[in-house]
Protein backbone atom coordinates (compact mmCIF):
# COMPACT_ATOMS: atom_id res chain seq x y z
CA MET A 1 174.48 112.19 33.43
CA ILE A 2 175.68 108.81 34.62
CA ARG A 3 173.28 107.03 37.03
CA HIS A 4 174.73 104.92 39.81
CA PRO A 5 172.60 101.87 40.57
CA MET A 6 174.17 101.49 44.00
CA LYS A 7 173.14 105.02 44.97
CA HIS A 8 169.56 104.33 43.86
CA ALA A 9 169.56 101.05 45.81
CA SER A 10 170.89 102.81 48.89
CA ALA A 11 168.22 105.50 48.61
CA LEU A 12 165.51 102.86 48.22
CA ILE A 13 166.75 100.90 51.26
CA CYS A 14 166.92 104.14 53.27
CA ALA A 15 163.32 104.99 52.31
CA ILE A 16 162.15 101.53 53.32
CA VAL A 17 163.94 101.80 56.68
CA ILE A 18 162.40 105.24 57.32
CA THR A 19 158.95 103.90 56.44
CA ILE A 20 159.31 100.88 58.72
CA ALA A 21 160.64 103.08 61.54
CA ALA A 22 157.65 105.37 61.17
CA LEU A 23 155.10 102.55 61.45
CA PRO A 24 155.24 102.16 65.25
CA GLN A 25 154.88 105.92 65.63
CA ALA A 26 151.85 105.93 63.34
CA LYS A 27 150.31 103.08 65.27
CA ALA A 28 150.97 104.93 68.53
CA GLN A 29 148.96 108.01 67.45
CA VAL A 30 145.96 106.63 69.32
CA ILE A 31 146.19 104.04 72.08
CA VAL A 32 143.02 102.09 72.81
CA ARG A 33 142.59 100.03 75.98
CA LEU A 34 139.56 97.88 76.80
CA GLU A 35 138.51 96.88 80.32
CA LEU A 36 135.50 94.83 81.41
CA SER A 37 133.80 95.37 84.75
CA LYS A 38 134.47 91.72 85.66
CA SER A 39 135.37 88.41 84.07
CA SER A 40 132.14 86.42 84.63
CA TYR A 41 128.50 87.38 84.10
CA ILE A 42 125.21 85.57 84.44
CA VAL A 43 122.83 85.26 81.50
CA ASN A 44 121.35 88.65 80.48
CA GLU A 45 123.38 90.59 83.03
CA PRO A 46 124.72 93.85 81.51
CA VAL A 47 128.27 93.27 80.23
CA LYS A 48 129.85 96.64 80.97
CA ALA A 49 132.95 97.66 79.03
CA THR A 50 135.09 100.78 79.38
CA ILE A 51 137.21 102.00 76.47
CA TYR A 52 140.17 104.27 77.29
CA ILE A 53 141.37 106.34 74.31
CA THR A 54 144.70 108.20 74.55
CA ASN A 55 145.49 110.88 71.95
CA HIS A 56 149.11 111.07 70.74
CA ALA A 57 148.22 112.47 67.31
CA GLY A 58 149.57 115.95 68.09
CA ARG A 59 146.16 117.57 67.58
CA GLU A 60 142.73 117.46 69.16
CA LEU A 61 140.65 114.57 67.89
CA THR A 62 136.90 114.55 67.41
CA LEU A 63 135.63 111.03 66.90
CA SER A 64 132.15 110.80 65.40
CA ASN A 65 130.13 108.68 63.00
CA GLU A 66 130.72 109.59 59.34
CA ASN A 67 128.84 108.37 56.27
CA GLY A 68 127.00 105.77 58.33
CA LYS A 69 130.28 104.38 59.64
CA PRO A 70 130.56 104.18 63.47
CA TRP A 71 133.69 105.56 65.09
CA LEU A 72 133.47 102.91 67.81
CA ASP A 73 132.92 99.25 67.03
CA PHE A 74 133.55 95.87 68.62
CA ASN A 75 134.67 92.46 67.45
CA ILE A 76 133.12 89.76 69.67
CA SER A 77 133.54 86.05 69.18
CA SER A 78 132.57 82.87 71.02
CA ARG A 79 134.16 79.48 70.38
CA GLY A 80 135.95 80.95 67.38
CA ARG A 81 132.72 82.17 65.77
CA PRO A 82 131.87 85.85 65.38
CA VAL A 83 128.95 87.32 67.32
CA TYR A 84 127.25 89.79 64.99
CA PRO A 85 125.56 92.95 66.32
CA ALA A 86 121.79 92.65 66.66
CA ARG A 87 121.47 96.41 66.17
CA ARG A 88 123.74 99.40 65.73
CA VAL A 89 124.16 101.96 68.50
CA ASN A 90 125.10 105.61 68.08
CA TYR A 91 127.61 106.15 70.88
CA GLY A 92 127.83 109.91 70.34
CA ALA A 93 130.91 111.95 69.47
CA ALA A 94 134.03 112.00 71.66
CA VAL A 95 136.45 114.92 71.84
CA ILE A 96 139.98 113.99 72.99
CA PRO A 97 142.45 116.83 73.72
CA VAL A 98 146.12 116.41 72.80
CA GLY A 99 147.98 114.06 75.10
CA GLN A 100 144.91 113.22 77.19
CA THR A 101 142.87 110.08 77.79
CA VAL A 102 139.08 109.90 77.53
CA ALA A 103 137.02 106.98 78.82
CA ARG A 104 133.74 105.80 77.32
CA SER A 105 131.61 103.15 79.10
CA VAL A 106 129.08 101.04 77.22
CA SER A 107 126.90 97.99 77.80
CA LEU A 108 127.69 95.40 75.14
CA ASN A 109 124.27 93.75 75.53
CA ILE A 110 122.60 96.78 73.96
CA SER A 111 123.97 95.93 70.52
CA TYR A 112 125.10 92.29 70.84
CA ALA A 113 123.10 89.19 71.75
CA LEU A 114 125.07 87.68 74.63
CA GLU A 115 122.34 85.52 76.15
CA LYS A 116 124.03 82.22 75.31
CA MET A 117 126.26 80.64 77.94
CA GLY A 118 129.91 80.26 76.99
CA ASN A 119 133.31 81.97 76.75
CA TYR A 120 133.63 85.23 74.80
CA THR A 121 136.47 87.36 73.45
CA CYS A 122 136.00 91.08 72.81
CA GLN A 123 138.11 93.73 71.08
CA ALA A 124 137.28 97.42 70.51
CA TYR A 125 138.05 99.36 67.31
CA ILE A 126 138.38 103.13 66.87
CA GLN A 127 137.93 104.67 63.41
CA MET A 128 139.90 107.87 62.76
CA PRO A 129 138.01 110.91 61.40
CA GLY A 130 138.09 112.09 57.78
CA ALA A 131 138.66 110.14 54.62
CA SER A 132 141.38 108.03 56.22
CA THR A 133 140.69 104.33 56.55
CA ASN A 134 143.08 104.07 59.50
CA GLY A 135 141.76 102.49 62.64
CA PHE A 136 143.15 101.42 65.99
CA ALA A 137 142.41 98.22 67.88
CA SER A 138 142.42 97.60 71.61
CA ASN A 139 143.67 94.65 73.58
CA ARG A 140 141.52 91.50 73.69
CA ALA A 141 139.40 90.97 76.80
CA HIS A 142 137.83 87.65 77.78
CA PHE A 143 134.64 86.99 79.73
CA THR A 144 132.28 84.13 80.53
CA VAL A 145 128.48 84.03 80.52
CA THR A 146 126.87 81.39 82.71
CA LYS A 147 123.69 80.70 84.67
CA GLY A 148 123.26 81.51 88.34
CA ARG A 149 121.69 79.39 91.08
CA VAL A 150 117.99 79.95 91.80
CA GLU A 151 117.44 80.72 95.50
CA TRP A 152 113.80 81.82 95.26
CA SER A 153 111.19 82.10 92.49
CA GLN A 154 107.55 83.10 92.06
CA ARG A 155 105.18 83.59 89.10
CA VAL A 156 102.79 86.54 89.20
CA GLY A 157 100.29 88.35 87.05
CA VAL A 158 100.68 91.97 85.98
CA PRO A 159 97.88 94.23 87.33
CA ASP A 160 97.64 96.45 84.24
CA ALA A 161 98.16 93.59 81.73
CA PRO A 162 95.80 90.67 82.51
CA ASP A 163 97.31 88.36 79.88
CA GLU A 164 100.88 88.80 81.11
CA ILE A 165 102.60 86.34 83.43
CA ARG A 166 105.93 87.30 84.95
CA GLU A 167 108.39 85.17 86.88
CA TYR A 168 110.67 86.57 89.54
CA GLU A 169 113.90 84.77 90.46
CA LEU A 170 116.59 85.55 93.01
CA LEU A 171 119.86 84.18 91.62
CA THR A 172 123.22 83.78 93.35
CA PHE A 173 126.49 83.62 91.46
CA THR A 174 130.06 83.10 92.66
CA GLY A 175 132.05 83.47 89.43
CA ASN A 176 134.04 86.54 90.57
CA ARG A 177 135.47 85.28 93.90
CA ALA A 178 132.51 86.69 95.84
CA MET A 179 128.86 85.71 96.06
CA GLU A 180 126.59 88.10 94.15
CA LEU A 181 122.80 88.36 94.10
CA PHE A 182 120.62 89.16 91.08
CA ALA A 183 116.91 89.73 90.55
CA HIS A 184 115.77 88.10 87.31
CA VAL A 185 112.44 89.01 85.68
CA THR A 186 110.98 87.18 82.66
CA SER A 187 107.71 87.06 80.73
CA THR A 188 106.81 83.38 80.83
CA ASN A 189 103.91 83.51 78.38
CA ARG A 190 105.97 85.37 75.76
CA GLY A 191 109.31 83.73 76.56
CA GLN A 192 110.94 87.15 76.83
CA GLU A 193 113.70 88.38 79.09
CA ILE A 194 112.64 91.52 80.97
CA ALA A 195 115.65 92.35 83.16
CA THR A 196 118.55 90.97 85.16
CA ILE A 197 119.31 93.40 88.00
CA PRO A 198 122.55 93.18 90.01
CA LEU A 199 121.77 93.64 93.72
CA GLY A 200 125.37 93.45 94.91
CA LYS A 201 127.63 91.20 96.93
CA ILE A 202 126.13 89.14 99.73
CA ILE A 203 127.25 86.69 102.40
CA SER A 204 125.76 83.24 102.70
CA PHE A 205 125.03 83.12 106.44
CA ARG A 206 121.34 83.51 105.65
CA LYS A 207 119.60 82.53 102.42
CA PRO A 208 118.02 85.39 100.40
CA THR A 209 114.23 85.48 100.68
CA GLY A 210 111.47 87.14 98.70
CA THR A 211 107.79 88.02 98.93
CA LEU A 212 105.19 90.01 96.98
CA ASP A 213 103.23 93.12 97.91
CA GLY A 214 99.69 94.03 96.84
CA ALA A 215 100.90 95.36 93.46
CA ASN A 216 102.90 92.16 92.76
CA ASN A 217 106.24 93.90 93.25
CA LEU A 218 109.07 91.67 94.42
CA HIS A 219 110.58 92.45 97.83
CA ALA A 220 113.94 90.77 98.45
CA LEU A 221 115.77 90.55 101.77
CA TYR A 222 119.43 89.51 101.79
CA GLN A 223 122.45 89.72 104.06
CA VAL A 224 125.31 92.00 103.00
CA LYS A 225 127.35 92.06 106.26
CA PRO A 226 127.27 89.99 109.44
CA ASP A 227 125.10 92.62 111.14
CA MET A 228 123.41 94.24 108.12
CA PHE A 229 120.68 93.28 105.65
CA ALA A 230 119.39 94.90 102.45
CA HIS A 231 115.77 95.25 101.33
CA SER A 232 115.17 95.77 97.60
CA CYS A 233 111.92 96.29 95.69
CA ILE A 234 111.64 95.32 91.99
CA THR A 235 108.60 95.95 89.77
CA PRO A 236 107.13 93.48 87.21
CA SER A 237 108.72 95.72 84.55
CA GLY A 238 112.17 94.91 85.90
CA ILE A 239 112.78 98.30 87.53
CA LEU A 240 114.61 98.56 90.86
CA ASN A 241 112.36 100.82 92.96
CA PHE A 242 114.59 101.17 96.01
CA THR A 243 117.13 99.51 98.28
CA THR A 244 117.32 100.19 102.02
CA PHE A 245 119.68 98.78 104.64
CA HIS A 246 118.77 97.48 108.08
CA LYS A 247 120.86 96.45 111.06
CA ARG A 248 120.02 93.54 113.31
CA GLY A 249 117.64 94.62 116.08
CA SER A 250 117.13 93.48 119.66
CA SER A 251 114.63 90.82 118.51
CA GLY A 252 117.03 89.22 116.02
CA ASP A 253 117.51 89.37 112.24
CA PRO A 254 115.30 91.64 110.11
CA ARG A 255 112.45 89.88 108.29
CA LEU A 256 109.90 90.69 105.59
CA MET A 257 106.35 91.28 106.85
CA THR A 258 103.24 91.75 104.69
CA PHE A 259 100.44 93.87 106.15
CA ALA A 260 96.69 93.71 105.51
CA ASP A 261 96.84 96.61 103.01
CA GLY A 262 99.38 94.69 100.88
CA GLU A 263 102.36 96.77 101.95
CA VAL A 264 105.64 94.98 102.72
CA ARG A 265 107.90 96.34 105.45
CA ILE A 266 110.90 95.21 107.46
CA ALA A 267 110.24 93.95 110.98
CA GLY A 268 112.79 93.17 113.69
CA GLY A 269 115.48 95.46 112.32
CA VAL A 270 116.77 99.01 112.67
CA LEU A 271 116.88 101.20 109.57
CA PHE A 272 120.50 102.09 108.79
CA ASP A 273 121.17 105.81 108.29
CA ALA A 274 124.58 106.22 106.64
CA VAL A 275 124.75 109.98 107.40
CA ALA A 276 123.89 109.53 111.07
CA ASP A 277 126.34 106.63 111.35
CA GLU A 278 129.15 108.75 109.90
CA GLU A 279 128.36 111.61 112.31
CA ALA A 280 128.45 109.18 115.23
CA ARG A 281 131.83 107.88 114.09
CA LYS A 282 133.23 111.43 114.00
CA LYS A 283 132.20 111.97 117.62
CA VAL A 284 134.25 108.98 118.80
CA ARG A 285 137.74 110.14 119.81
CA ASN A 286 140.91 108.11 119.72
CA VAL A 287 142.81 107.28 122.89
CA SER A 288 145.71 109.41 121.61
CA GLU A 289 143.43 112.47 121.69
CA ARG A 290 142.83 112.14 125.45
CA PRO A 291 144.36 115.06 127.38
CA PRO A 292 147.17 114.19 129.82
CA PHE A 293 146.21 113.67 133.47
CA ILE A 294 148.01 115.38 136.32
CA TYR A 295 148.47 113.27 139.40
CA ASN A 296 149.13 114.87 142.78
């Protein structure tokens, strides 16, 4: 048999072309998209990320940790230097039907130390199941960590821990085109961060204020709309107990008032009931609904 080098060369080139053409399809088996809840965070605020995973593999995928290898991982860097995970997190398995998209939300602070101010870049990685070493990377997302402005602060003791000293701070931050308010709790004697709690968007007509009740819980009062204020209670452990909303009353703006028994309540405001307000709105009819009048 006579071999034809040109035929072999043509077959080799054809194989290479087929392989190259198949690469984009292989890469498109799983599409990973990363979104952050916002672009700017204050120090120790939860950095919330959502990973959208679309399955184009032609079969149902079950993503789970195998042989100590996580199926979901992140690559985070700041100023060109990698930020290594402080601890590994088991995100739990994810089942993705054919042709569908599944979303998984995580807080990056749980596994990565992001307490330093600066600019960060984050990318998510998905590891395919089985013995394959194939993985899929998401887009790169950028975010900034900075410090907020202290509007109010107070140091307190902890009733059930005599040696503990906690500091409450109310912080404002305008890094996302709107003013936001946070409650910040730290252990001053141990130099430990306890919690940074987002309280939501506010308006700056009136400065946020705070006071303490008999159990040394923080009570914060802040304006969320021109005619509405919010009252939040935070414990020394950094837990948000409750948030209620109050409308301006006949005597003016709501205000925090401490009673002799140590309880803190809102004075000068009207408690806002969202259900009752919605029912009242339904009872209001439009002009177009008015029946026609008959004139003699």
